[in-house]
Amino acid sequence: MLNIYHNPRCSKSRRVLQLLRDHGCEPNIILYTQKSIGYDRLRRLISKLGIPASALLRRSEPLYKELDLSSPSLQDADMIDSMINHPQLIERPIIERNERAVIARPPEKALDLL
């Protein structure tokens, strides 16, 4: 099963979803901004991405600055909590298949999991 962590308001996310469909794949759509994916699931997803939690944060979001998420004193757990409480901070779209995941930027990176 292929999952897409999708925000329908995001043009890149919509583009990746269409790209997957154009390649004959109908992914399981996870609307993470509407229903929390939970701390443990997000932690596992970050592990599959092979990145630190800080790399999944959208630095362009005003909330990033407001919450001082660039502070060197923050631990991964703090950043994950912030993303759970404010899902708009999560970089998107994320494509997940089994034990692998990618941030589909550029959108063609999603094809790595097909």
N, C-alpha and C. Protein backbone atom coordinates (compact mmCIF):
# COMPACT_ATOMS: atom_id res chain seq x y z
N MET A 1 0.84 -1.18 0.00
CA MET A 1 0.00 0.00 0.00
C MET A 1 0.88 1.23 0.00
N LEU A 2 0.50 2.18 -0.80
CA LEU A 2 1.19 3.45 -0.91
C LEU A 2 0.33 4.51 -0.22
N ASN A 3 0.94 5.26 0.70
CA ASN A 3 0.25 6.33 1.41
C ASN A 3 0.76 7.67 0.93
N ILE A 4 -0.14 8.64 0.85
CA ILE A 4 0.26 10.02 0.64
C ILE A 4 -0.29 10.84 1.80
N TYR A 5 0.59 11.54 2.48
CA TYR A 5 0.20 12.48 3.52
C TYR A 5 -0.10 13.77 2.77
N HIS A 6 -1.37 14.04 2.62
CA HIS A 6 -1.87 14.99 1.64
C HIS A 6 -2.57 16.18 2.29
N ASN A 7 -2.28 17.36 1.75
CA ASN A 7 -3.00 18.57 2.12
C ASN A 7 -3.65 19.08 0.83
N PRO A 8 -4.96 18.94 0.69
CA PRO A 8 -5.62 19.33 -0.55
C PRO A 8 -5.48 20.81 -0.89
N ARG A 9 -5.11 21.63 0.08
CA ARG A 9 -4.94 23.07 -0.17
C ARG A 9 -3.56 23.38 -0.77
N CYS A 10 -2.68 22.39 -0.78
CA CYS A 10 -1.31 22.59 -1.26
C CYS A 10 -1.20 22.15 -2.73
N SER A 11 -0.76 23.06 -3.58
CA SER A 11 -0.67 22.74 -5.01
C SER A 11 0.34 21.63 -5.28
N LYS A 12 1.45 21.59 -4.55
CA LYS A 12 2.44 20.52 -4.74
C LYS A 12 1.85 19.17 -4.36
N SER A 13 1.09 19.16 -3.29
CA SER A 13 0.47 17.92 -2.84
C SER A 13 -0.55 17.43 -3.88
N ARG A 14 -1.35 18.33 -4.41
CA ARG A 14 -2.31 17.96 -5.45
C ARG A 14 -1.59 17.46 -6.70
N ARG A 15 -0.48 18.10 -7.03
CA ARG A 15 0.29 17.69 -8.21
C ARG A 15 0.85 16.28 -8.04
N VAL A 16 1.36 15.98 -6.85
CA VAL A 16 1.91 14.63 -6.60
C VAL A 16 0.81 13.59 -6.65
N LEU A 17 -0.33 13.88 -6.07
CA LEU A 17 -1.45 12.94 -6.12
C LEU A 17 -1.83 12.65 -7.57
N GLN A 18 -1.90 13.68 -8.39
CA GLN A 18 -2.23 13.47 -9.80
C GLN A 18 -1.15 12.68 -10.52
N LEU A 19 0.11 12.95 -10.21
CA LEU A 19 1.23 12.23 -10.80
C LEU A 19 1.13 10.74 -10.48
N LEU A 20 0.82 10.41 -9.23
CA LEU A 20 0.67 9.00 -8.84
C LEU A 20 -0.48 8.36 -9.61
N ARG A 21 -1.58 9.06 -9.70
CA ARG A 21 -2.73 8.53 -10.44
C ARG A 21 -2.42 8.36 -11.91
N ASP A 22 -1.67 9.30 -12.48
CA ASP A 22 -1.28 9.20 -13.89
C ASP A 22 -0.40 7.97 -14.14
N HIS A 23 0.26 7.50 -13.10
CA HIS A 23 1.10 6.30 -13.21
C HIS A 23 0.37 5.04 -12.73
N GLY A 24 -0.96 5.13 -12.67
CA GLY A 24 -1.78 3.96 -12.36
C GLY A 24 -1.83 3.58 -10.90
N CYS A 25 -1.48 4.48 -10.02
CA CYS A 25 -1.47 4.18 -8.59
C CYS A 25 -2.53 5.03 -7.89
N GLU A 26 -3.38 4.38 -7.14
CA GLU A 26 -4.37 5.09 -6.32
C GLU A 26 -3.94 4.93 -4.87
N PRO A 27 -3.26 5.93 -4.32
CA PRO A 27 -2.73 5.81 -2.97
C PRO A 27 -3.81 5.96 -1.90
N ASN A 28 -3.48 5.49 -0.72
CA ASN A 28 -4.29 5.75 0.46
C ASN A 28 -4.01 7.20 0.85
N ILE A 29 -5.03 8.03 0.89
CA ILE A 29 -4.85 9.45 1.17
C ILE A 29 -5.04 9.71 2.66
N ILE A 30 -4.01 10.25 3.28
CA ILE A 30 -4.04 10.59 4.70
C ILE A 30 -4.11 12.11 4.81
N LEU A 31 -5.24 12.59 5.27
CA LEU A 31 -5.46 14.03 5.40
C LEU A 31 -4.98 14.46 6.79
N TYR A 32 -3.69 14.57 6.93
CA TYR A 32 -3.05 14.78 8.23
C TYR A 32 -3.39 16.14 8.85
N THR A 33 -3.87 17.10 8.06
CA THR A 33 -4.25 18.39 8.64
C THR A 33 -5.67 18.34 9.23
N GLN A 34 -6.42 17.30 8.89
CA GLN A 34 -7.78 17.17 9.39
C GLN A 34 -7.90 16.21 10.56
N LYS A 35 -7.02 15.20 10.58
CA LYS A 35 -7.03 14.22 11.67
C LYS A 35 -5.58 13.92 12.02
N SER A 36 -5.25 14.09 13.28
CA SER A 36 -3.87 13.90 13.73
C SER A 36 -3.38 12.48 13.41
N ILE A 37 -2.14 12.40 12.97
CA ILE A 37 -1.56 11.08 12.71
C ILE A 37 -0.90 10.52 13.96
N GLY A 38 -0.77 11.31 15.00
CA GLY A 38 -0.26 10.84 16.27
C GLY A 38 1.26 10.87 16.35
N TYR A 39 1.73 10.98 17.57
CA TYR A 39 3.16 11.12 17.84
C TYR A 39 3.96 9.92 17.33
N ASP A 40 3.55 8.71 17.70
CA ASP A 40 4.32 7.52 17.32
C ASP A 40 4.38 7.32 15.82
N ARG A 41 3.27 7.55 15.16
CA ARG A 41 3.26 7.38 13.71
C ARG A 41 4.16 8.41 13.03
N LEU A 42 4.12 9.65 13.51
CA LEU A 42 4.98 10.68 12.92
C LEU A 42 6.45 10.37 13.20
N ARG A 43 6.76 9.88 14.38
CA ARG A 43 8.14 9.50 14.70
C ARG A 43 8.62 8.39 13.78
N ARG A 44 7.77 7.38 13.53
CA ARG A 44 8.14 6.29 12.62
C ARG A 44 8.32 6.81 11.18
N LEU A 45 7.45 7.73 10.79
CA LEU A 45 7.55 8.29 9.45
C LEU A 45 8.87 9.06 9.27
N ILE A 46 9.25 9.82 10.27
CA ILE A 46 10.53 10.54 10.22
C ILE A 46 11.68 9.56 10.12
N SER A 47 11.59 8.46 10.83
CA SER A 47 12.62 7.42 10.77
C SER A 47 12.70 6.84 9.35
N LYS A 48 11.56 6.58 8.74
CA LYS A 48 11.54 6.05 7.37
C LYS A 48 12.13 7.05 6.38
N LEU A 49 11.93 8.32 6.64
CA LEU A 49 12.49 9.36 5.78
C LEU A 49 14.00 9.46 5.94
N GLY A 50 14.50 9.01 7.10
CA GLY A 50 15.93 9.05 7.36
C GLY A 50 16.45 10.46 7.60
N ILE A 51 15.61 11.29 8.22
CA ILE A 51 15.98 12.68 8.48
C ILE A 51 15.73 13.00 9.95
N PRO A 52 16.35 14.06 10.45
CA PRO A 52 15.98 14.53 11.79
C PRO A 52 14.61 15.21 11.73
N ALA A 53 13.94 15.29 12.85
CA ALA A 53 12.62 15.92 12.89
C ALA A 53 12.67 17.36 12.37
N SER A 54 13.76 18.05 12.63
CA SER A 54 13.87 19.44 12.19
C SER A 54 13.79 19.58 10.67
N ALA A 55 14.20 18.57 9.94
CA ALA A 55 14.17 18.62 8.47
C ALA A 55 12.76 18.48 7.91
N LEU A 56 11.80 18.08 8.73
CA LEU A 56 10.42 17.93 8.27
C LEU A 56 9.60 19.19 8.53
N LEU A 57 10.19 20.14 9.22
CA LEU A 57 9.48 21.38 9.52
C LEU A 57 9.49 22.34 8.34
N ARG A 58 8.35 22.95 8.11
CA ARG A 58 8.23 23.98 7.07
C ARG A 58 8.70 25.31 7.66
N ARG A 59 9.90 25.67 7.33
CA ARG A 59 10.49 26.89 7.89
C ARG A 59 9.83 28.16 7.39
N SER A 60 9.09 28.09 6.30
CA SER A 60 8.41 29.27 5.76
C SER A 60 7.10 29.58 6.48
N GLU A 61 6.63 28.66 7.30
CA GLU A 61 5.39 28.90 8.04
C GLU A 61 5.64 29.93 9.14
N PRO A 62 4.78 30.94 9.27
CA PRO A 62 4.94 31.93 10.34
C PRO A 62 5.02 31.29 11.73
N LEU A 63 4.31 30.20 11.91
CA LEU A 63 4.32 29.50 13.20
C LEU A 63 5.71 28.98 13.57
N TYR A 64 6.50 28.65 12.57
CA TYR A 64 7.86 28.17 12.80
C TYR A 64 8.64 29.21 13.61
N LYS A 65 8.52 30.44 13.19
CA LYS A 65 9.21 31.52 13.88
C LYS A 65 8.55 31.82 15.23
N GLU A 66 7.21 31.87 15.23
CA GLU A 66 6.47 32.17 16.46
C GLU A 66 6.79 31.18 17.58
N LEU A 67 6.94 29.91 17.23
CA LEU A 67 7.22 28.87 18.23
C LEU A 67 8.71 28.70 18.49
N ASP A 68 9.53 29.50 17.83
CA ASP A 68 10.99 29.46 17.99
C ASP A 68 11.53 28.05 17.75
N LEU A 69 11.08 27.44 16.65
CA LEU A 69 11.48 26.07 16.35
C LEU A 69 12.90 25.94 15.82
N SER A 70 13.57 27.05 15.63
CA SER A 70 14.98 26.99 15.23
C SER A 70 15.91 26.97 16.44
N SER A 71 15.34 27.00 17.62
CA SER A 71 16.14 27.02 18.84
C SER A 71 16.98 25.75 18.96
N PRO A 72 18.29 25.89 19.19
CA PRO A 72 19.15 24.72 19.31
C PRO A 72 18.85 23.87 20.55
N SER A 73 18.09 24.43 21.48
CA SER A 73 17.78 23.68 22.70
C SER A 73 16.65 22.67 22.50
N LEU A 74 15.95 22.75 21.38
CA LEU A 74 14.82 21.84 21.14
C LEU A 74 15.31 20.44 20.77
N GLN A 75 14.63 19.47 21.29
CA GLN A 75 14.88 18.06 20.98
C GLN A 75 13.90 17.63 19.89
N ASP A 76 14.18 16.48 19.26
CA ASP A 76 13.25 15.94 18.25
C ASP A 76 11.85 15.81 18.81
N ALA A 77 11.72 15.36 20.05
CA ALA A 77 10.41 15.16 20.66
C ALA A 77 9.62 16.48 20.71
N ASP A 78 10.31 17.57 20.99
CA ASP A 78 9.65 18.88 21.04
C ASP A 78 9.13 19.26 19.65
N MET A 79 9.95 19.01 18.63
CA MET A 79 9.55 19.35 17.27
C MET A 79 8.39 18.48 16.80
N ILE A 80 8.43 17.20 17.15
CA ILE A 80 7.33 16.31 16.78
C ILE A 80 6.05 16.76 17.46
N ASP A 81 6.13 17.12 18.73
CA ASP A 81 4.95 17.64 19.44
C ASP A 81 4.39 18.86 18.72
N SER A 82 5.27 19.76 18.29
CA SER A 82 4.81 20.96 17.58
C SER A 82 4.12 20.59 16.28
N MET A 83 4.66 19.61 15.55
CA MET A 83 4.03 19.20 14.30
C MET A 83 2.69 18.52 14.53
N ILE A 84 2.56 17.78 15.61
CA ILE A 84 1.29 17.12 15.94
C ILE A 84 0.24 18.18 16.29
N ASN A 85 0.65 19.18 17.07
CA ASN A 85 -0.27 20.24 17.49
C ASN A 85 -0.57 21.24 16.38
N HIS A 86 0.34 21.37 15.42
CA HIS A 86 0.21 22.32 14.32
C HIS A 86 0.63 21.62 13.02
N PRO A 87 -0.24 20.78 12.46
CA PRO A 87 0.15 19.96 11.29
C PRO A 87 0.56 20.77 10.07
N GLN A 88 0.19 22.05 10.01
CA GLN A 88 0.63 22.87 8.87
C GLN A 88 2.14 23.05 8.87
N LEU A 89 2.81 22.70 9.96
CA LEU A 89 4.27 22.79 10.03
C LEU A 89 4.97 21.64 9.32
N ILE A 90 4.22 20.59 8.98
CA ILE A 90 4.82 19.40 8.36
C ILE A 90 5.04 19.65 6.87
N GLU A 91 6.27 19.42 6.43
CA GLU A 91 6.59 19.53 5.00
C GLU A 91 5.75 18.52 4.23
N ARG A 92 5.36 18.88 3.03
CA ARG A 92 4.49 18.02 2.24
C ARG A 92 4.84 18.10 0.77
N PRO A 93 4.34 17.14 0.06
CA PRO A 93 3.68 15.90 0.48
C PRO A 93 4.71 14.83 0.82
N ILE A 94 4.28 13.91 1.64
CA ILE A 94 5.11 12.76 2.01
C ILE A 94 4.46 11.52 1.41
N ILE A 95 5.26 10.71 0.78
CA ILE A 95 4.81 9.45 0.20
C ILE A 95 5.47 8.33 1.00
N GLU A 96 4.69 7.32 1.36
CA GLU A 96 5.18 6.22 2.19
C GLU A 96 4.77 4.89 1.58
N ARG A 97 5.71 3.98 1.53
CA ARG A 97 5.41 2.62 1.10
C ARG A 97 6.27 1.68 1.92
N ASN A 98 5.61 0.82 2.66
CA ASN A 98 6.30 -0.15 3.52
C ASN A 98 7.29 0.56 4.44
N GLU A 99 8.55 0.24 4.34
CA GLU A 99 9.55 0.81 5.24
C GLU A 99 10.30 2.00 4.65
N ARG A 100 9.78 2.56 3.56
CA ARG A 100 10.43 3.70 2.92
C ARG A 100 9.46 4.86 2.81
N ALA A 101 10.02 6.05 2.79
CA ALA A 101 9.21 7.25 2.62
C ALA A 101 10.07 8.32 1.97
N VAL A 102 9.42 9.24 1.25
CA VAL A 102 10.11 10.37 0.64
C VAL A 102 9.23 11.62 0.78
N ILE A 103 9.91 12.75 0.87
CA ILE A 103 9.22 14.02 0.73
C ILE A 103 9.25 14.31 -0.77
N ALA A 104 8.10 14.41 -1.38
CA ALA A 104 8.01 14.51 -2.84
C ALA A 104 8.20 15.94 -3.32
N ARG A 105 9.39 16.43 -3.12
CA ARG A 105 9.83 17.74 -3.60
C ARG A 105 11.19 17.54 -4.22
N PRO A 106 11.29 17.59 -5.50
CA PRO A 106 10.24 17.86 -6.48
C PRO A 106 9.25 16.69 -6.57
N PRO A 107 8.09 16.92 -7.13
CA PRO A 107 7.04 15.90 -7.18
C PRO A 107 7.49 14.56 -7.75
N GLU A 108 8.42 14.56 -8.68
CA GLU A 108 8.88 13.32 -9.32
C GLU A 108 9.55 12.37 -8.33
N LYS A 109 9.97 12.87 -7.17
CA LYS A 109 10.56 12.00 -6.16
C LYS A 109 9.57 10.93 -5.69
N ALA A 110 8.27 11.21 -5.84
CA ALA A 110 7.25 10.24 -5.45
C ALA A 110 7.38 8.96 -6.26
N LEU A 111 7.86 9.08 -7.49
CA LEU A 111 7.99 7.92 -8.36
C LEU A 111 9.05 6.93 -7.87
N ASP A 112 9.94 7.37 -6.98
CA ASP A 112 10.95 6.48 -6.41
C ASP A 112 10.32 5.32 -5.64
N LEU A 113 9.11 5.48 -5.19
CA LEU A 113 8.46 4.44 -4.39
C LEU A 113 7.50 3.57 -5.19
N LEU A 114 7.37 3.83 -6.48
CA LEU A 114 6.46 3.01 -7.30
C LEU A 114 7.13 1.73 -7.75
